[in-house]
Amino acid sequence: MNDTVQQVIPVLRENRRKFEEFCYSLSEEELARPVPNSSWIVKDFASHLCALDLLFADYIDSVRAGGQVDMRQTAEGGSFNLDTWNDAQVADRRERSLADIFAEAETNRERLVASLGLLSDDDVNRTMHFSDPKRGEADFPLKAFLVGWAQHDPIHAADMLKALPERADDAELTSWLTNPFVTGYQKSMNSAPHA
């Protein structure tokens, strides 16, 4: 297994464990709160993370087949808008229970981990193109994206906290969310114009 992937997989698993623990600590009222500067409620971030693993597994499979990750396109090469796709996935899962969302998420995460485990050194060093109206546009090695991707769960836990100010002083939660990927993402998103 590629060295980067070997380092990323345990981080993905541990961050998902902590994310689930955080979500299950929330009341139904907290899960239903609207998140400021977003069209989502708190629980929707769990749905987002659940669905996105499948999309990313498809991208990883296309890289293994000789393709390139380009977030402006589907894994098959069609036109793609990440925000539109995310909103549809979240809407589709909004009425599901947290337990049902995480049951699906576990299956999707294992599919992603299996796909990641098959990446070669050449695959991981291949350039990908990331493009999004809110997050900007850049070309960089898939390797760099994977390291950041491993922090996706805490990044969105930080988003959820915007609707949960009474939880912001939780020392364990704060410790988990204080890393350069989470703080850097939050800084860039908070300075970006909101749709």
N, C-alpha and C. Protein backbone atom coordinates (compact mmCIF):
# COMPACT_ATOMS: atom_id res chain seq x y z
N MET A 1 0.85 -1.18 0.00
CA MET A 1 0.00 0.00 0.00
C MET A 1 0.89 1.25 0.00
N ASN A 2 0.47 2.25 -0.74
CA ASN A 2 1.20 3.51 -0.81
C ASN A 2 1.37 4.10 0.59
N ASP A 3 2.53 4.71 0.85
CA ASP A 3 2.84 5.25 2.19
C ASP A 3 1.84 6.32 2.64
N THR A 4 1.48 7.23 1.73
CA THR A 4 0.52 8.29 2.10
C THR A 4 -0.82 7.68 2.46
N VAL A 5 -1.29 6.75 1.65
CA VAL A 5 -2.58 6.10 1.91
C VAL A 5 -2.53 5.37 3.25
N GLN A 6 -1.41 4.71 3.52
CA GLN A 6 -1.25 3.98 4.77
C GLN A 6 -1.34 4.91 5.98
N GLN A 7 -0.91 6.14 5.82
CA GLN A 7 -1.01 7.12 6.90
C GLN A 7 -2.41 7.74 6.97
N VAL A 8 -3.05 7.91 5.83
CA VAL A 8 -4.35 8.58 5.76
C VAL A 8 -5.48 7.71 6.32
N ILE A 9 -5.47 6.42 6.05
CA ILE A 9 -6.59 5.55 6.43
C ILE A 9 -6.86 5.55 7.94
N PRO A 10 -5.85 5.40 8.80
CA PRO A 10 -6.16 5.45 10.24
C PRO A 10 -6.70 6.81 10.69
N VAL A 11 -6.24 7.88 10.06
CA VAL A 11 -6.74 9.23 10.39
C VAL A 11 -8.21 9.34 9.98
N LEU A 12 -8.55 8.84 8.79
CA LEU A 12 -9.95 8.83 8.35
C LEU A 12 -10.83 8.09 9.35
N ARG A 13 -10.36 6.93 9.77
CA ARG A 13 -11.16 6.10 10.69
C ARG A 13 -11.33 6.79 12.05
N GLU A 14 -10.25 7.35 12.59
CA GLU A 14 -10.33 7.99 13.90
C GLU A 14 -11.19 9.26 13.84
N ASN A 15 -11.04 10.04 12.79
CA ASN A 15 -11.87 11.24 12.67
C ASN A 15 -13.34 10.89 12.52
N ARG A 16 -13.65 9.81 11.81
CA ARG A 16 -15.05 9.39 11.70
C ARG A 16 -15.58 8.93 13.05
N ARG A 17 -14.77 8.21 13.82
CA ARG A 17 -15.19 7.78 15.15
C ARG A 17 -15.55 8.99 16.01
N LYS A 18 -14.67 10.00 16.00
CA LYS A 18 -14.91 11.20 16.80
C LYS A 18 -16.12 11.98 16.29
N PHE A 19 -16.28 12.02 14.96
CA PHE A 19 -17.43 12.74 14.38
C PHE A 19 -18.74 12.08 14.80
N GLU A 20 -18.80 10.76 14.72
CA GLU A 20 -20.02 10.05 15.14
C GLU A 20 -20.30 10.29 16.61
N GLU A 21 -19.27 10.20 17.42
CA GLU A 21 -19.43 10.43 18.86
C GLU A 21 -20.00 11.84 19.11
N PHE A 22 -19.46 12.82 18.41
CA PHE A 22 -19.96 14.19 18.53
C PHE A 22 -21.43 14.27 18.12
N CYS A 23 -21.77 13.72 16.96
CA CYS A 23 -23.16 13.78 16.48
C CYS A 23 -24.13 13.10 17.43
N TYR A 24 -23.74 11.93 17.96
CA TYR A 24 -24.63 11.21 18.87
C TYR A 24 -24.77 11.92 20.21
N SER A 25 -23.87 12.85 20.51
CA SER A 25 -23.99 13.61 21.76
C SER A 25 -25.01 14.74 21.64
N LEU A 26 -25.47 15.01 20.42
CA LEU A 26 -26.39 16.13 20.18
C LEU A 26 -27.84 15.70 20.34
N SER A 27 -28.65 16.61 20.84
CA SER A 27 -30.09 16.36 20.96
C SER A 27 -30.75 16.51 19.60
N GLU A 28 -31.99 16.06 19.51
CA GLU A 28 -32.75 16.24 18.26
C GLU A 28 -32.90 17.73 17.94
N GLU A 29 -33.09 18.53 18.97
CA GLU A 29 -33.22 19.98 18.76
C GLU A 29 -31.92 20.56 18.20
N GLU A 30 -30.78 20.11 18.74
CA GLU A 30 -29.49 20.60 18.24
C GLU A 30 -29.25 20.15 16.80
N LEU A 31 -29.57 18.91 16.51
CA LEU A 31 -29.38 18.37 15.16
C LEU A 31 -30.24 19.11 14.13
N ALA A 32 -31.36 19.65 14.56
CA ALA A 32 -32.29 20.32 13.64
C ALA A 32 -32.03 21.82 13.50
N ARG A 33 -31.05 22.35 14.20
CA ARG A 33 -30.78 23.80 14.12
C ARG A 33 -30.22 24.19 12.75
N PRO A 34 -30.67 25.32 12.22
CA PRO A 34 -30.06 25.82 10.98
C PRO A 34 -28.65 26.32 11.26
N VAL A 35 -27.74 26.05 10.33
CA VAL A 35 -26.36 26.50 10.47
C VAL A 35 -26.23 27.86 9.81
N PRO A 36 -25.70 28.86 10.54
CA PRO A 36 -25.55 30.20 9.96
C PRO A 36 -24.74 30.19 8.65
N ASN A 37 -25.15 31.03 7.73
CA ASN A 37 -24.50 31.17 6.41
C ASN A 37 -24.51 29.87 5.62
N SER A 38 -25.55 29.09 5.81
CA SER A 38 -25.69 27.80 5.12
C SER A 38 -27.17 27.52 4.93
N SER A 39 -27.50 26.70 3.96
CA SER A 39 -28.89 26.27 3.78
C SER A 39 -29.14 24.94 4.51
N TRP A 40 -28.14 24.45 5.22
CA TRP A 40 -28.23 23.16 5.91
C TRP A 40 -28.52 23.31 7.38
N ILE A 41 -29.08 22.23 7.95
CA ILE A 41 -29.21 22.11 9.39
C ILE A 41 -27.99 21.31 9.88
N VAL A 42 -27.81 21.25 11.19
CA VAL A 42 -26.63 20.58 11.77
C VAL A 42 -26.51 19.15 11.27
N LYS A 43 -27.60 18.38 11.32
CA LYS A 43 -27.55 16.95 10.93
C LYS A 43 -27.14 16.76 9.48
N ASP A 44 -27.40 17.75 8.63
CA ASP A 44 -27.10 17.62 7.20
C ASP A 44 -25.61 17.38 6.94
N PHE A 45 -24.74 17.84 7.83
CA PHE A 45 -23.32 17.63 7.60
C PHE A 45 -22.95 16.15 7.71
N ALA A 46 -23.67 15.39 8.53
CA ALA A 46 -23.47 13.94 8.58
C ALA A 46 -23.88 13.31 7.25
N SER A 47 -24.99 13.77 6.69
CA SER A 47 -25.43 13.26 5.37
C SER A 47 -24.43 13.60 4.29
N HIS A 48 -23.92 14.81 4.33
CA HIS A 48 -22.92 15.24 3.35
C HIS A 48 -21.70 14.34 3.38
N LEU A 49 -21.17 14.10 4.58
CA LEU A 49 -19.97 13.26 4.71
C LEU A 49 -20.26 11.82 4.28
N CYS A 50 -21.46 11.35 4.57
CA CYS A 50 -21.87 10.01 4.18
C CYS A 50 -21.83 9.85 2.65
N ALA A 51 -22.45 10.79 1.96
CA ALA A 51 -22.58 10.70 0.50
C ALA A 51 -21.27 10.96 -0.23
N LEU A 52 -20.49 11.89 0.28
CA LEU A 52 -19.28 12.31 -0.44
C LEU A 52 -18.25 11.19 -0.56
N ASP A 53 -18.22 10.27 0.39
CA ASP A 53 -17.29 9.15 0.29
C ASP A 53 -17.51 8.34 -0.98
N LEU A 54 -18.78 8.15 -1.37
CA LEU A 54 -19.06 7.40 -2.61
C LEU A 54 -18.57 8.15 -3.84
N LEU A 55 -18.82 9.45 -3.87
CA LEU A 55 -18.35 10.25 -4.99
C LEU A 55 -16.83 10.19 -5.09
N PHE A 56 -16.16 10.34 -3.96
CA PHE A 56 -14.71 10.33 -3.97
C PHE A 56 -14.16 8.95 -4.32
N ALA A 57 -14.83 7.89 -3.89
CA ALA A 57 -14.41 6.53 -4.28
C ALA A 57 -14.47 6.38 -5.80
N ASP A 58 -15.49 6.94 -6.42
CA ASP A 58 -15.58 6.90 -7.89
C ASP A 58 -14.40 7.64 -8.53
N TYR A 59 -14.04 8.81 -7.96
CA TYR A 59 -12.88 9.55 -8.47
C TYR A 59 -11.60 8.73 -8.31
N ILE A 60 -11.44 8.10 -7.17
CA ILE A 60 -10.24 7.29 -6.91
C ILE A 60 -10.16 6.14 -7.91
N ASP A 61 -11.30 5.49 -8.16
CA ASP A 61 -11.32 4.40 -9.14
C ASP A 61 -10.94 4.91 -10.54
N SER A 62 -11.36 6.13 -10.87
CA SER A 62 -11.01 6.67 -12.19
C SER A 62 -9.52 6.99 -12.27
N VAL A 63 -8.92 7.42 -11.16
CA VAL A 63 -7.47 7.65 -11.13
C VAL A 63 -6.73 6.34 -11.37
N ARG A 64 -7.18 5.29 -10.73
CA ARG A 64 -6.54 3.97 -10.92
C ARG A 64 -6.66 3.49 -12.36
N ALA A 65 -7.69 3.95 -13.05
CA ALA A 65 -7.89 3.56 -14.46
C ALA A 65 -7.14 4.50 -15.40
N GLY A 66 -6.34 5.43 -14.84
CA GLY A 66 -5.54 6.32 -15.68
C GLY A 66 -6.11 7.72 -15.81
N GLY A 67 -7.22 8.00 -15.16
CA GLY A 67 -7.83 9.33 -15.26
C GLY A 67 -7.24 10.31 -14.26
N GLN A 68 -7.87 11.46 -14.17
CA GLN A 68 -7.43 12.52 -13.28
C GLN A 68 -8.64 13.06 -12.54
N VAL A 69 -8.48 13.34 -11.27
CA VAL A 69 -9.58 13.96 -10.52
C VAL A 69 -9.71 15.40 -10.97
N ASP A 70 -10.89 15.76 -11.43
CA ASP A 70 -11.20 17.13 -11.81
C ASP A 70 -12.58 17.43 -11.26
N MET A 71 -12.64 18.25 -10.20
CA MET A 71 -13.91 18.48 -9.51
C MET A 71 -14.93 19.26 -10.34
N ARG A 72 -14.54 19.65 -11.57
CA ARG A 72 -15.51 20.30 -12.47
C ARG A 72 -16.26 19.25 -13.28
N GLN A 73 -15.84 17.98 -13.15
CA GLN A 73 -16.43 16.89 -13.94
C GLN A 73 -16.76 15.71 -13.04
N THR A 74 -17.70 14.90 -13.49
CA THR A 74 -17.97 13.63 -12.81
C THR A 74 -16.78 12.70 -13.08
N ALA A 75 -16.74 11.59 -12.38
CA ALA A 75 -15.68 10.60 -12.62
C ALA A 75 -15.74 10.08 -14.06
N GLU A 76 -16.93 10.19 -14.68
CA GLU A 76 -17.10 9.73 -16.06
C GLU A 76 -16.80 10.83 -17.08
N GLY A 77 -16.55 12.06 -16.60
CA GLY A 77 -16.18 13.15 -17.51
C GLY A 77 -17.29 14.14 -17.82
N GLY A 78 -18.49 13.95 -17.27
CA GLY A 78 -19.58 14.90 -17.52
C GLY A 78 -19.43 16.15 -16.67
N SER A 79 -20.17 17.18 -17.03
CA SER A 79 -20.15 18.44 -16.28
C SER A 79 -20.66 18.21 -14.85
N PHE A 80 -20.07 18.89 -13.89
CA PHE A 80 -20.39 18.62 -12.49
C PHE A 80 -20.30 19.88 -11.65
N ASN A 81 -21.28 20.06 -10.76
CA ASN A 81 -21.26 21.15 -9.80
C ASN A 81 -21.36 20.53 -8.40
N LEU A 82 -20.28 20.63 -7.64
CA LEU A 82 -20.20 19.98 -6.33
C LEU A 82 -21.28 20.48 -5.38
N ASP A 83 -21.54 21.77 -5.34
CA ASP A 83 -22.53 22.30 -4.41
C ASP A 83 -23.94 21.80 -4.73
N THR A 84 -24.29 21.77 -6.01
CA THR A 84 -25.60 21.27 -6.42
C THR A 84 -25.75 19.80 -6.03
N TRP A 85 -24.70 19.03 -6.29
CA TRP A 85 -24.71 17.60 -5.96
C TRP A 85 -24.85 17.41 -4.45
N ASN A 86 -24.04 18.16 -3.67
CA ASN A 86 -24.11 18.06 -2.21
C ASN A 86 -25.51 18.36 -1.71
N ASP A 87 -26.12 19.45 -2.20
CA ASP A 87 -27.46 19.83 -1.74
C ASP A 87 -28.48 18.73 -2.03
N ALA A 88 -28.37 18.10 -3.18
CA ALA A 88 -29.31 17.02 -3.53
C ALA A 88 -29.12 15.82 -2.61
N GLN A 89 -27.89 15.48 -2.30
CA GLN A 89 -27.61 14.33 -1.43
C GLN A 89 -28.13 14.59 -0.01
N VAL A 90 -27.92 15.80 0.47
CA VAL A 90 -28.38 16.18 1.80
C VAL A 90 -29.91 16.15 1.85
N ALA A 91 -30.55 16.71 0.85
CA ALA A 91 -32.03 16.73 0.82
C ALA A 91 -32.59 15.32 0.81
N ASP A 92 -31.94 14.42 0.08
CA ASP A 92 -32.39 13.04 -0.01
C ASP A 92 -32.33 12.32 1.34
N ARG A 93 -31.43 12.74 2.22
CA ARG A 93 -31.23 12.06 3.50
C ARG A 93 -31.82 12.82 4.70
N ARG A 94 -32.40 13.97 4.47
CA ARG A 94 -32.81 14.84 5.58
C ARG A 94 -33.78 14.17 6.55
N GLU A 95 -34.67 13.34 6.08
CA GLU A 95 -35.66 12.71 6.97
C GLU A 95 -35.15 11.42 7.60
N ARG A 96 -33.96 10.97 7.25
CA ARG A 96 -33.42 9.74 7.83
C ARG A 96 -32.91 10.00 9.25
N SER A 97 -32.90 8.94 10.04
CA SER A 97 -32.34 9.04 11.39
C SER A 97 -30.82 9.10 11.30
N LEU A 98 -30.22 9.62 12.34
CA LEU A 98 -28.76 9.66 12.41
C LEU A 98 -28.18 8.24 12.33
N ALA A 99 -28.83 7.29 12.97
CA ALA A 99 -28.35 5.90 12.94
C ALA A 99 -28.36 5.36 11.50
N ASP A 100 -29.41 5.66 10.74
CA ASP A 100 -29.47 5.21 9.35
C ASP A 100 -28.40 5.89 8.50
N ILE A 101 -28.18 7.17 8.74
CA ILE A 101 -27.15 7.89 7.99
C ILE A 101 -25.78 7.29 8.26
N PHE A 102 -25.47 7.02 9.53
CA PHE A 102 -24.16 6.47 9.85
C PHE A 102 -24.00 5.01 9.42
N ALA A 103 -25.10 4.27 9.34
CA ALA A 103 -25.02 2.90 8.81
C ALA A 103 -24.61 2.95 7.34
N GLU A 104 -25.24 3.84 6.57
CA GLU A 104 -24.83 4.01 5.17
C GLU A 104 -23.41 4.54 5.08
N ALA A 105 -23.08 5.49 5.96
CA ALA A 105 -21.75 6.10 5.94
C ALA A 105 -20.65 5.06 6.18
N GLU A 106 -20.92 4.10 7.05
CA GLU A 106 -19.93 3.05 7.33
C GLU A 106 -19.64 2.22 6.07
N THR A 107 -20.70 1.86 5.35
CA THR A 107 -20.53 1.11 4.10
C THR A 107 -19.78 1.94 3.07
N ASN A 108 -20.16 3.21 2.95
CA ASN A 108 -19.51 4.09 1.97
C ASN A 108 -18.04 4.33 2.32
N ARG A 109 -17.74 4.50 3.60
CA ARG A 109 -16.36 4.74 4.02
C ARG A 109 -15.49 3.50 3.74
N GLU A 110 -16.05 2.32 3.96
CA GLU A 110 -15.27 1.10 3.69
C GLU A 110 -15.01 0.93 2.19
N ARG A 111 -15.98 1.34 1.37
CA ARG A 111 -15.74 1.30 -0.08
C ARG A 111 -14.61 2.26 -0.46
N LEU A 112 -14.64 3.46 0.11
CA LEU A 112 -13.59 4.44 -0.16
C LEU A 112 -12.23 3.92 0.31
N VAL A 113 -12.16 3.37 1.50
CA VAL A 113 -10.90 2.85 2.03
C VAL A 113 -10.36 1.75 1.13
N ALA A 114 -11.24 0.87 0.65
CA ALA A 114 -10.81 -0.20 -0.26
C ALA A 114 -10.22 0.39 -1.54
N SER A 115 -10.87 1.41 -2.09
CA SER A 115 -10.37 2.05 -3.31
C SER A 115 -9.03 2.75 -3.05
N LEU A 116 -8.93 3.44 -1.93
CA LEU A 116 -7.67 4.10 -1.59
C LEU A 116 -6.53 3.10 -1.47
N GLY A 117 -6.83 1.95 -0.89
CA GLY A 117 -5.81 0.93 -0.68
C GLY A 117 -5.21 0.38 -1.96
N LEU A 118 -5.87 0.58 -3.08
CA LEU A 118 -5.39 0.08 -4.37
C LEU A 118 -4.58 1.10 -5.15
N LEU A 119 -4.48 2.34 -4.63
CA LEU A 119 -3.72 3.37 -5.35
C LEU A 119 -2.23 3.05 -5.35
N SER A 120 -1.61 3.24 -6.49
CA SER A 120 -0.16 3.06 -6.60
C SER A 120 0.56 4.37 -6.27
N ASP A 121 1.88 4.32 -6.15
CA ASP A 121 2.65 5.54 -5.93
C ASP A 121 2.44 6.52 -7.07
N ASP A 122 2.41 6.03 -8.30
CA ASP A 122 2.17 6.91 -9.46
C ASP A 122 0.80 7.56 -9.39
N ASP A 123 -0.21 6.79 -8.98
CA ASP A 123 -1.56 7.33 -8.85
C ASP A 123 -1.59 8.49 -7.85
N VAL A 124 -0.98 8.28 -6.72
CA VAL A 124 -1.02 9.26 -5.63
C VAL A 124 -0.28 10.54 -6.01
N ASN A 125 0.71 10.41 -6.88
CA ASN A 125 1.48 11.58 -7.30
C ASN A 125 0.86 12.30 -8.50
N ARG A 126 -0.23 11.75 -9.06
CA ARG A 126 -0.88 12.37 -10.20
C ARG A 126 -1.54 13.69 -9.79
N THR A 127 -1.53 14.65 -10.69
CA THR A 127 -2.14 15.96 -10.42
C THR A 127 -3.66 15.87 -10.51
N MET A 128 -4.32 16.57 -9.62
CA MET A 128 -5.78 16.69 -9.70
C MET A 128 -6.12 18.17 -9.81
N HIS A 129 -7.33 18.44 -10.29
CA HIS A 129 -7.79 19.82 -10.40
C HIS A 129 -8.98 20.00 -9.48
N PHE A 130 -8.87 20.93 -8.55
CA PHE A 130 -9.98 21.24 -7.66
C PHE A 130 -10.53 22.60 -8.05
N SER A 131 -11.83 22.67 -8.24
CA SER A 131 -12.46 23.92 -8.62
C SER A 131 -13.82 24.02 -7.95
N ASP A 132 -14.04 25.13 -7.27
CA ASP A 132 -15.30 25.35 -6.62
C ASP A 132 -15.49 26.85 -6.43
N PRO A 133 -16.68 27.38 -6.70
CA PRO A 133 -16.88 28.83 -6.60
C PRO A 133 -16.55 29.40 -5.21
N LYS A 134 -16.78 28.63 -4.15
CA LYS A 134 -16.53 29.12 -2.79
C LYS A 134 -15.09 28.89 -2.35
N ARG A 135 -14.49 27.85 -2.86
CA ARG A 135 -13.19 27.45 -2.34
C ARG A 135 -12.03 27.74 -3.29
N GLY A 136 -12.32 28.26 -4.46
CA GLY A 136 -11.25 28.59 -5.40
C GLY A 136 -10.90 27.42 -6.30
N GLU A 137 -9.77 27.55 -6.93
CA GLU A 137 -9.35 26.61 -7.97
C GLU A 137 -7.85 26.39 -7.85
N ALA A 138 -7.42 25.13 -8.00
CA ALA A 138 -5.98 24.84 -7.90
C ALA A 138 -5.69 23.46 -8.48
N ASP A 139 -4.46 23.30 -8.94
CA ASP A 139 -3.94 22.00 -9.35
C ASP A 139 -2.88 21.59 -8.33
N PHE A 140 -2.96 20.35 -7.84
CA PHE A 140 -1.95 19.86 -6.91
C PHE A 140 -1.99 18.33 -6.92
N PRO A 141 -0.94 17.69 -6.37
CA PRO A 141 -0.91 16.23 -6.37
C PRO A 141 -2.05 15.65 -5.55
N LEU A 142 -2.59 14.54 -6.00
CA LEU A 142 -3.63 13.84 -5.26
C LEU A 142 -3.15 13.57 -3.83
N LYS A 143 -1.87 13.29 -3.67
CA LYS A 143 -1.28 13.03 -2.35
C LYS A 143 -1.64 14.14 -1.36
N ALA A 144 -1.49 15.39 -1.77
CA ALA A 144 -1.78 16.52 -0.89
C ALA A 144 -3.27 16.58 -0.56
N PHE A 145 -4.10 16.29 -1.55
CA PHE A 145 -5.54 16.29 -1.33
C PHE A 145 -5.93 15.22 -0.31
N LEU A 146 -5.32 14.03 -0.40
CA LEU A 146 -5.65 12.94 0.51
C LEU A 146 -5.36 13.31 1.96
N VAL A 147 -4.24 13.97 2.19
CA VAL A 147 -3.88 14.37 3.55
C VAL A 147 -4.93 15.35 4.10
N GLY A 148 -5.37 16.29 3.28
CA GLY A 148 -6.42 17.21 3.69
C GLY A 148 -7.77 16.52 3.83
N TRP A 149 -8.06 15.60 2.91
CA TRP A 149 -9.33 14.87 2.92
C TRP A 149 -9.52 14.13 4.24
N ALA A 150 -8.44 13.65 4.82
CA ALA A 150 -8.53 12.92 6.08
C ALA A 150 -9.09 13.78 7.21
N GLN A 151 -9.09 15.11 7.01
CA GLN A 151 -9.59 16.05 8.02
C GLN A 151 -11.01 16.54 7.72
N HIS A 152 -11.68 15.91 6.77
CA HIS A 152 -13.00 16.38 6.34
C HIS A 152 -14.03 16.33 7.48
N ASP A 153 -13.98 15.28 8.29
CA ASP A 153 -14.97 15.17 9.38
C ASP A 153 -14.81 16.31 10.39
N PRO A 154 -13.59 16.57 10.93
CA PRO A 154 -13.49 17.69 11.87
C PRO A 154 -13.76 19.05 11.23
N ILE A 155 -13.44 19.19 9.94
CA ILE A 155 -13.76 20.45 9.25
C ILE A 155 -15.26 20.73 9.35
N HIS A 156 -16.06 19.70 9.14
CA HIS A 156 -17.51 19.92 9.18
C HIS A 156 -18.08 19.91 10.59
N ALA A 157 -17.40 19.29 11.53
CA ALA A 157 -17.80 19.44 12.93
C ALA A 157 -17.66 20.91 13.33
N ALA A 158 -16.60 21.56 12.85
CA ALA A 158 -16.41 22.99 13.12
C ALA A 158 -17.54 23.81 12.49
N ASP A 159 -17.99 23.42 11.29
CA ASP A 159 -19.13 24.10 10.67
C ASP A 159 -20.38 23.96 11.53
N MET A 160 -20.60 22.76 12.04
CA MET A 160 -21.78 22.48 12.86
C MET A 160 -21.78 23.33 14.13
N LEU A 161 -20.59 23.57 14.68
CA LEU A 161 -20.49 24.35 15.92
C LEU A 161 -21.00 25.78 15.76
N LYS A 162 -21.07 26.26 14.52
CA LYS A 162 -21.59 27.62 14.30
C LYS A 162 -23.04 27.73 14.77
N ALA A 163 -23.75 26.60 14.78
CA ALA A 163 -25.13 26.57 15.27
C ALA A 163 -25.22 26.09 16.72
N LEU A 164 -24.07 25.75 17.30
CA LEU A 164 -24.05 25.16 18.64
C LEU A 164 -23.06 25.92 19.54
N PRO A 165 -23.26 27.23 19.73
CA PRO A 165 -22.27 28.01 20.46
C PRO A 165 -22.03 27.52 21.88
N GLU A 166 -23.02 26.87 22.49
CA GLU A 166 -22.85 26.37 23.86
C GLU A 166 -21.86 25.20 23.93
N ARG A 167 -21.52 24.62 22.78
CA ARG A 167 -20.57 23.50 22.73
C ARG A 167 -19.14 23.97 22.44
N ALA A 168 -18.97 25.22 22.12
CA ALA A 168 -17.66 25.73 21.68
C ALA A 168 -16.58 25.67 22.75
N ASP A 169 -16.96 25.57 24.02
CA ASP A 169 -15.97 25.52 25.09
C ASP A 169 -15.61 24.10 25.52
N ASP A 170 -16.14 23.10 24.84
CA ASP A 170 -15.83 21.70 25.16
C ASP A 170 -14.36 21.44 24.84
N ALA A 171 -13.57 21.14 25.87
CA ALA A 171 -12.10 21.01 25.71
C ALA A 171 -11.72 19.88 24.76
N GLU A 172 -12.40 18.75 24.86
CA GLU A 172 -12.07 17.62 23.99
C GLU A 172 -12.39 17.94 22.54
N LEU A 173 -13.53 18.55 22.32
CA LEU A 173 -13.93 18.95 20.98
C LEU A 173 -12.98 19.99 20.41
N THR A 174 -12.66 20.99 21.21
CA THR A 174 -11.75 22.05 20.78
C THR A 174 -10.38 21.48 20.42
N SER A 175 -9.90 20.53 21.20
CA SER A 175 -8.61 19.90 20.93
C SER A 175 -8.63 19.19 19.58
N TRP A 176 -9.73 18.50 19.28
CA TRP A 176 -9.86 17.78 18.02
C TRP A 176 -9.89 18.74 16.83
N LEU A 177 -10.52 19.87 17.02
CA LEU A 177 -10.72 20.80 15.91
C LEU A 177 -9.57 21.80 15.72
N THR A 178 -8.62 21.80 16.62
CA THR A 178 -7.51 22.73 16.52
C THR A 178 -6.36 22.07 15.76
N ASN A 179 -6.46 22.10 14.46
CA ASN A 179 -5.35 21.65 13.61
C ASN A 179 -5.35 22.52 12.36
N PRO A 180 -4.22 22.61 11.67
CA PRO A 180 -4.09 23.57 10.56
C PRO A 180 -5.09 23.37 9.43
N PHE A 181 -5.51 22.14 9.18
CA PHE A 181 -6.47 21.90 8.09
C PHE A 181 -7.83 22.48 8.45
N VAL A 182 -8.26 22.25 9.67
CA VAL A 182 -9.57 22.73 10.10
C VAL A 182 -9.57 24.25 10.21
N THR A 183 -8.58 24.80 10.90
CA THR A 183 -8.55 26.26 11.08
C THR A 183 -8.32 26.99 9.76
N GLY A 184 -7.47 26.42 8.90
CA GLY A 184 -7.23 27.04 7.59
C GLY A 184 -8.47 27.04 6.72
N TYR A 185 -9.19 25.92 6.72
CA TYR A 185 -10.43 25.83 5.94
C TYR A 185 -11.46 26.82 6.46
N GLN A 186 -11.62 26.85 7.77
CA GLN A 186 -12.61 27.76 8.34
C GLN A 186 -12.26 29.22 8.03
N LYS A 187 -11.00 29.55 8.11
CA LYS A 187 -10.57 30.91 7.80
C LYS A 187 -10.88 31.26 6.35
N SER A 188 -10.57 30.35 5.44
CA SER A 188 -10.80 30.63 4.02
C SER A 188 -12.29 30.72 3.70
N MET A 189 -13.09 29.87 4.33
CA MET A 189 -14.54 29.89 4.07
C MET A 189 -15.21 31.10 4.71
N ASN A 190 -14.73 31.52 5.86
CA ASN A 190 -15.34 32.66 6.53
C ASN A 190 -15.00 33.98 5.86
N SER A 191 -13.92 33.98 5.05
CA SER A 191 -13.57 35.20 4.33
C SER A 191 -14.13 35.21 2.92
N ALA A 192 -14.71 34.05 2.50
CA ALA A 192 -15.29 33.95 1.16
C ALA A 192 -16.70 34.52 1.16
N PRO A 193 -17.17 35.04 0.01
CA PRO A 193 -18.56 35.49 -0.05
C PRO A 193 -19.50 34.29 0.09
N HIS A 194 -20.59 34.45 0.78
CA HIS A 194 -21.53 33.35 0.99
C HIS A 194 -22.67 33.42 -0.02
N ALA A 195 -23.03 32.25 -0.50
CA ALA A 195 -24.12 32.17 -1.48
C ALA A 195 -25.46 32.31 -0.81
